[in-house]
Amino acid sequence: YCNADGRISDATIEKSSGYERLDQAWMKEAKRGRWKCDPPTVNGQPQGAWIPSMVPLTFRLEDAR
């Protein structure tokens, strides 16, 4: 979900990695607040909305500290 302020507040997984822990790590990263989105506008004002997008994420062993 893309908030009116351009931050991701919720997400869903379209296709599982097959590993619950990796899927949960992806969700945690998506909701962390670092990713930005361009919210749609209504009458010139930003409006929160679900925006379908594919965001591949690659994990490396170095990341698992």
PDB file of N, CA and C in Angstrom:
ATOM      1  N   TYR A   1       0.847  -1.167   0.000  1.00  0.00           N
ATOM      2  CA  TYR A   1       0.000   0.000   0.000  1.00  0.00           C
ATOM      3  C   TYR A   1       0.896   1.234   0.000  1.00  0.00           C
ATOM      4  N   CYS A   2       0.629   2.161  -0.891  1.00  0.00           N
ATOM      5  CA  CYS A   2       1.383   3.410  -1.011  1.00  0.00           C
ATOM      6  C   CYS A   2       0.612   4.503  -0.269  1.00  0.00           C
ATOM      7  N   ASN A   3       1.186   4.988   0.842  1.00  0.00           N
ATOM      8  CA  ASN A   3       0.542   6.055   1.607  1.00  0.00           C
ATOM      9  C   ASN A   3       0.580   7.367   0.835  1.00  0.00           C
ATOM     10  N   ALA A   4      -0.234   8.311   1.261  1.00  0.00           N
ATOM     11  CA  ALA A   4      -0.262   9.625   0.620  1.00  0.00           C
ATOM     12  C   ALA A   4       1.083  10.336   0.730  1.00  0.00           C
ATOM     13  N   ASP A   5       1.897   9.978   1.746  1.00  0.00           N
ATOM     14  CA  ASP A   5       3.216  10.608   1.891  1.00  0.00           C
ATOM     15  C   ASP A   5       4.302   9.923   1.062  1.00  0.00           C
ATOM     16  N   GLY A   6       3.916   8.904   0.276  1.00  0.00           N
ATOM     17  CA  GLY A   6       4.877   8.246  -0.609  1.00  0.00           C
ATOM     18  C   GLY A   6       5.667   7.121   0.029  1.00  0.00           C
ATOM     19  N   ARG A   7       5.228   6.621   1.152  1.00  0.00           N
ATOM     20  CA  ARG A   7       5.894   5.499   1.815  1.00  0.00           C
ATOM     21  C   ARG A   7       5.028   4.238   1.703  1.00  0.00           C
ATOM     22  N   ILE A   8       5.711   3.093   1.674  1.00  0.00           N
ATOM     23  CA  ILE A   8       5.024   1.803   1.632  1.00  0.00           C
ATOM     24  C   ILE A   8       4.628   1.430   3.056  1.00  0.00           C
ATOM     25  N   SER A   9       3.347   1.152   3.286  1.00  0.00           N
ATOM     26  CA  SER A   9       2.903   0.764   4.623  1.00  0.00           C
ATOM     27  C   SER A   9       2.424  -0.680   4.672  1.00  0.00           C
ATOM     28  N   ASP A  10       2.148  -1.273   3.527  1.00  0.00           N
ATOM     29  CA  ASP A  10       1.708  -2.663   3.492  1.00  0.00           C
ATOM     30  C   ASP A  10       2.066  -3.234   2.136  1.00  0.00           C
ATOM     31  N   ALA A  11       2.207  -4.544   2.084  1.00  0.00           N
ATOM     32  CA  ALA A  11       2.563  -5.214   0.837  1.00  0.00           C
ATOM     33  C   ALA A  11       2.026  -6.642   0.868  1.00  0.00           C
ATOM     34  N   THR A  12       1.926  -7.236  -0.281  1.00  0.00           N
ATOM     35  CA  THR A  12       1.549  -8.643  -0.379  1.00  0.00           C
ATOM     36  C   THR A  12       2.547  -9.338  -1.290  1.00  0.00           C
ATOM     37  N   ILE A  13       2.651 -10.631  -1.119  1.00  0.00           N
ATOM     38  CA  ILE A  13       3.561 -11.419  -1.947  1.00  0.00           C
ATOM     39  C   ILE A  13       2.741 -12.106  -3.027  1.00  0.00           C
ATOM     40  N   GLU A  14       3.036 -11.783  -4.260  1.00  0.00           N
ATOM     41  CA  GLU A  14       2.326 -12.363  -5.402  1.00  0.00           C
ATOM     42  C   GLU A  14       2.775 -13.805  -5.644  1.00  0.00           C
ATOM     43  N   LYS A  15       4.072 -14.043  -5.575  1.00  0.00           N
ATOM     44  CA  LYS A  15       4.617 -15.380  -5.814  1.00  0.00           C
ATOM     45  C   LYS A  15       5.649 -15.680  -4.734  1.00  0.00           C
ATOM     46  N   SER A  16       5.406 -16.711  -3.967  1.00  0.00           N
ATOM     47  CA  SER A  16       6.290 -17.079  -2.868  1.00  0.00           C
ATOM     48  C   SER A  16       7.636 -17.573  -3.380  1.00  0.00           C
ATOM     49  N   SER A  17       8.653 -17.358  -2.580  1.00  0.00           N
ATOM     50  CA  SER A  17       9.982 -17.897  -2.887  1.00  0.00           C
ATOM     51  C   SER A  17      10.013 -19.392  -2.622  1.00  0.00           C
ATOM     52  N   GLY A  18       9.018 -19.869  -1.897  1.00  0.00           N
ATOM     53  CA  GLY A  18       9.000 -21.268  -1.492  1.00  0.00           C
ATOM     54  C   GLY A  18       9.547 -21.455  -0.083  1.00  0.00           C
ATOM     55  N   TYR A  19      10.041 -20.360   0.494  1.00  0.00           N
ATOM     56  CA  TYR A  19      10.603 -20.394   1.839  1.00  0.00           C
ATOM     57  C   TYR A  19       9.947 -19.297   2.670  1.00  0.00           C
ATOM     58  N   GLU A  20       9.233 -19.702   3.693  1.00  0.00           N
ATOM     59  CA  GLU A  20       8.488 -18.760   4.527  1.00  0.00           C
ATOM     60  C   GLU A  20       9.384 -17.668   5.115  1.00  0.00           C
ATOM     61  N   ARG A  21      10.579 -18.045   5.577  1.00  0.00           N
ATOM     62  CA  ARG A  21      11.482 -17.053   6.192  1.00  0.00           C
ATOM     63  C   ARG A  21      11.928 -16.004   5.185  1.00  0.00           C
ATOM     64  N   LEU A  22      12.192 -16.408   3.948  1.00  0.00           N
ATOM     65  CA  LEU A  22      12.578 -15.432   2.925  1.00  0.00           C
ATOM     66  C   LEU A  22      11.404 -14.520   2.578  1.00  0.00           C
ATOM     67  N   ASP A  23      10.223 -15.092   2.472  1.00  0.00           N
ATOM     68  CA  ASP A  23       9.037 -14.289   2.183  1.00  0.00           C
ATOM     69  C   ASP A  23       8.810 -13.257   3.290  1.00  0.00           C
ATOM     70  N   GLN A  24       8.954 -13.675   4.553  1.00  0.00           N
ATOM     71  CA  GLN A  24       8.766 -12.762   5.676  1.00  0.00           C
ATOM     72  C   GLN A  24       9.849 -11.682   5.702  1.00  0.00           C
ATOM     73  N   ALA A  25      11.077 -12.038   5.346  1.00  0.00           N
ATOM     74  CA  ALA A  25      12.162 -11.049   5.290  1.00  0.00           C
ATOM     75  C   ALA A  25      11.867 -10.014   4.212  1.00  0.00           C
ATOM     76  N   TRP A  26      11.310 -10.452   3.086  1.00  0.00           N
ATOM     77  CA  TRP A  26      10.948  -9.519   2.006  1.00  0.00           C
ATOM     78  C   TRP A  26       9.881  -8.555   2.506  1.00  0.00           C
ATOM     79  N   MET A  27       8.862  -9.086   3.185  1.00  0.00           N
ATOM     80  CA  MET A  27       7.788  -8.230   3.697  1.00  0.00           C
ATOM     81  C   MET A  27       8.329  -7.212   4.693  1.00  0.00           C
ATOM     82  N   LYS A  28       9.214  -7.654   5.574  1.00  0.00           N
ATOM     83  CA  LYS A  28       9.807  -6.747   6.553  1.00  0.00           C
ATOM     84  C   LYS A  28      10.570  -5.626   5.850  1.00  0.00           C
ATOM     85  N   GLU A  29      11.338  -5.974   4.828  1.00  0.00           N
ATOM     86  CA  GLU A  29      12.105  -4.976   4.080  1.00  0.00           C
ATOM     87  C   GLU A  29      11.171  -4.000   3.354  1.00  0.00           C
ATOM     88  N   ALA A  30      10.094  -4.523   2.780  1.00  0.00           N
ATOM     89  CA  ALA A  30       9.150  -3.675   2.047  1.00  0.00           C
ATOM     90  C   ALA A  30       8.502  -2.638   2.964  1.00  0.00           C
ATOM     91  N   LYS A  31       8.212  -3.024   4.194  1.00  0.00           N
ATOM     92  CA  LYS A  31       7.510  -2.138   5.134  1.00  0.00           C
ATOM     93  C   LYS A  31       8.452  -1.276   5.966  1.00  0.00           C
ATOM     94  N   ARG A  32       9.730  -1.410   5.764  1.00  0.00           N
ATOM     95  CA  ARG A  32      10.723  -0.731   6.597  1.00  0.00           C
ATOM     96  C   ARG A  32      10.685   0.793   6.478  1.00  0.00           C
ATOM     97  N   GLY A  33      10.129   1.316   5.411  1.00  0.00           N
ATOM     98  CA  GLY A  33       9.997   2.754   5.265  1.00  0.00           C
ATOM     99  C   GLY A  33      11.033   3.395   4.358  1.00  0.00           C
ATOM    100  N   ARG A  34      11.945   2.601   3.822  1.00  0.00           N
ATOM    101  CA  ARG A  34      12.966   3.161   2.935  1.00  0.00           C
ATOM    102  C   ARG A  34      12.500   3.234   1.485  1.00  0.00           C
ATOM    103  N   TRP A  35      11.599   2.352   1.119  1.00  0.00           N
ATOM    104  CA  TRP A  35      11.128   2.332  -0.261  1.00  0.00           C
ATOM    105  C   TRP A  35      10.119   3.451  -0.457  1.00  0.00           C
ATOM    106  N   LYS A  36      10.184   4.099  -1.590  1.00  0.00           N
ATOM    107  CA  LYS A  36       9.277   5.196  -1.912  1.00  0.00           C
ATOM    108  C   LYS A  36       8.342   4.772  -3.038  1.00  0.00           C
ATOM    109  N   CYS A  37       7.208   5.432  -3.094  1.00  0.00           N
ATOM    110  CA  CYS A  37       6.256   5.209  -4.179  1.00  0.00           C
ATOM    111  C   CYS A  37       5.669   6.570  -4.558  1.00  0.00           C
ATOM    112  N   ASP A  38       5.092   6.636  -5.719  1.00  0.00           N
ATOM    113  CA  ASP A  38       4.420   7.850  -6.180  1.00  0.00           C
ATOM    114  C   ASP A  38       2.919   7.646  -6.013  1.00  0.00           C
ATOM    115  N   PRO A  39       2.327   8.222  -4.970  1.00  0.00           N
ATOM    116  CA  PRO A  39       0.894   8.011  -4.745  1.00  0.00           C
ATOM    117  C   PRO A  39       0.070   8.702  -5.832  1.00  0.00           C
ATOM    118  N   PRO A  40      -1.066   8.113  -6.169  1.00  0.00           N
ATOM    119  CA  PRO A  40      -1.953   8.782  -7.120  1.00  0.00           C
ATOM    120  C   PRO A  40      -2.532  10.047  -6.492  1.00  0.00           C
ATOM    121  N   THR A  41      -3.046  10.923  -7.314  1.00  0.00           N
ATOM    122  CA  THR A  41      -3.646  12.156  -6.806  1.00  0.00           C
ATOM    123  C   THR A  41      -5.126  12.204  -7.158  1.00  0.00           C
ATOM    124  N   VAL A  42      -5.873  12.835  -6.288  1.00  0.00           N
ATOM    125  CA  VAL A  42      -7.293  13.104  -6.498  1.00  0.00           C
ATOM    126  C   VAL A  42      -7.467  14.595  -6.274  1.00  0.00           C
ATOM    127  N   ASN A  43      -7.918  15.294  -7.306  1.00  0.00           N
ATOM    128  CA  ASN A  43      -8.052  16.753  -7.248  1.00  0.00           C
ATOM    129  C   ASN A  43      -6.742  17.426  -6.834  1.00  0.00           C
ATOM    130  N   GLY A  44      -5.634  16.877  -7.331  1.00  0.00           N
ATOM    131  CA  GLY A  44      -4.326  17.449  -7.065  1.00  0.00           C
ATOM    132  C   GLY A  44      -3.716  17.092  -5.721  1.00  0.00           C
ATOM    133  N   GLN A  45      -4.423  16.313  -4.896  1.00  0.00           N
ATOM    134  CA  GLN A  45      -3.932  15.928  -3.576  1.00  0.00           C
ATOM    135  C   GLN A  45      -3.505  14.456  -3.585  1.00  0.00           C
ATOM    136  N   PRO A  46      -2.333  14.139  -3.015  1.00  0.00           N
ATOM    137  CA  PRO A  46      -1.908  12.740  -2.956  1.00  0.00           C
ATOM    138  C   PRO A  46      -2.897  11.899  -2.165  1.00  0.00           C
ATOM    139  N   GLN A  47      -3.131  10.699  -2.657  1.00  0.00           N
ATOM    140  CA  GLN A  47      -4.102   9.785  -2.055  1.00  0.00           C
ATOM    141  C   GLN A  47      -3.444   8.420  -1.908  1.00  0.00           C
ATOM    142  N   GLY A  48      -3.533   7.806  -0.745  1.00  0.00           N
ATOM    143  CA  GLY A  48      -3.008   6.458  -0.556  1.00  0.00           C
ATOM    144  C   GLY A  48      -3.791   5.456  -1.402  1.00  0.00           C
ATOM    145  N   ALA A  49      -3.093   4.431  -1.891  1.00  0.00           N
ATOM    146  CA  ALA A  49      -3.754   3.421  -2.718  1.00  0.00           C
ATOM    147  C   ALA A  49      -2.866   2.191  -2.862  1.00  0.00           C
ATOM    148  N   TRP A  50      -3.501   1.069  -3.198  1.00  0.00           N
ATOM    149  CA  TRP A  50      -2.744  -0.125  -3.575  1.00  0.00           C
ATOM    150  C   TRP A  50      -2.249   0.096  -4.992  1.00  0.00           C
ATOM    151  N   ILE A  51      -0.960  -0.064  -5.196  1.00  0.00           N
ATOM    152  CA  ILE A  51      -0.373   0.113  -6.522  1.00  0.00           C
ATOM    153  C   ILE A  51       0.345  -1.185  -6.886  1.00  0.00           C
ATOM    154  N   PRO A  52      -0.184  -1.919  -7.851  1.00  0.00           N
ATOM    155  CA  PRO A  52       0.478  -3.177  -8.220  1.00  0.00           C
ATOM    156  C   PRO A  52       1.853  -2.916  -8.820  1.00  0.00           C
ATOM    157  N   SER A  53       2.846  -3.603  -8.308  1.00  0.00           N
ATOM    158  CA  SER A  53       4.188  -3.517  -8.874  1.00  0.00           C
ATOM    159  C   SER A  53       4.977  -4.750  -8.462  1.00  0.00           C
ATOM    160  N   MET A  54       5.897  -5.122  -9.301  1.00  0.00           N
ATOM    161  CA  MET A  54       6.759  -6.262  -9.030  1.00  0.00           C
ATOM    162  C   MET A  54       8.087  -5.718  -8.534  1.00  0.00           C
ATOM    163  N   VAL A  55       8.504  -6.169  -7.360  1.00  0.00           N
ATOM    164  CA  VAL A  55       9.768  -5.721  -6.787  1.00  0.00           C
ATOM    165  C   VAL A  55      10.588  -6.956  -6.434  1.00  0.00           C
ATOM    166  N   PRO A  56      11.485  -7.352  -7.331  1.00  0.00           N
ATOM    167  CA  PRO A  56      12.337  -8.497  -6.983  1.00  0.00           C
ATOM    168  C   PRO A  56      13.357  -8.083  -5.931  1.00  0.00           C
ATOM    169  N   LEU A  57      13.657  -8.977  -5.040  1.00  0.00           N
ATOM    170  CA  LEU A  57      14.619  -8.699  -3.988  1.00  0.00           C
ATOM    171  C   LEU A  57      15.558  -9.887  -3.894  1.00  0.00           C
ATOM    172  N   THR A  58      16.847  -9.629  -3.892  1.00  0.00           N
ATOM    173  CA  THR A  58      17.856 -10.681  -3.829  1.00  0.00           C
ATOM    174  C   THR A  58      18.534 -10.637  -2.470  1.00  0.00           C
ATOM    175  N   PHE A  59      18.586 -11.775  -1.821  1.00  0.00           N
ATOM    176  CA  PHE A  59      19.292 -11.886  -0.543  1.00  0.00           C
ATOM    177  C   PHE A  59      20.626 -12.570  -0.780  1.00  0.00           C
ATOM    178  N   ARG A  60      21.661 -12.075  -0.098  1.00  0.00           N
ATOM    179  CA  ARG A  60      22.971 -12.696  -0.164  1.00  0.00           C
ATOM    180  C   ARG A  60      23.336 -13.158   1.243  1.00  0.00           C
ATOM    181  N   LEU A  61      24.221 -14.122   1.337  1.00  0.00           N
ATOM    182  CA  LEU A  61      24.623 -14.626   2.645  1.00  0.00           C
ATOM    183  C   LEU A  61      25.233 -13.520   3.500  1.00  0.00           C
ATOM    184  N   GLU A  62      25.907 -12.548   2.893  1.00  0.00           N
ATOM    185  CA  GLU A  62      26.495 -11.457   3.667  1.00  0.00           C
ATOM    186  C   GLU A  62      25.413 -10.655   4.384  1.00  0.00           C
ATOM    187  N   ASP A  63      24.204 -10.637   3.832  1.00  0.00           N
ATOM    188  CA  ASP A  63      23.096  -9.876   4.412  1.00  0.00           C
ATOM    189  C   ASP A  63      22.551 -10.523   5.675  1.00  0.00           C
ATOM    190  N   ALA A  64      22.870 -11.767   5.926  1.00  0.00           N
ATOM    191  CA  ALA A  64      22.265 -12.537   7.015  1.00  0.00           C
ATOM    192  C   ALA A  64      23.029 -12.382   8.330  1.00  0.00           C
ATOM    193  N   ARG A  65      23.572 -11.238   8.587  1.00  0.00           N
ATOM    194  CA  ARG A  65      24.308 -11.035   9.853  1.00  0.00           C
ATOM    195  C   ARG A  65      23.393 -10.649  10.965  1.00  0.00           C
TER     196      ARG A  65
END
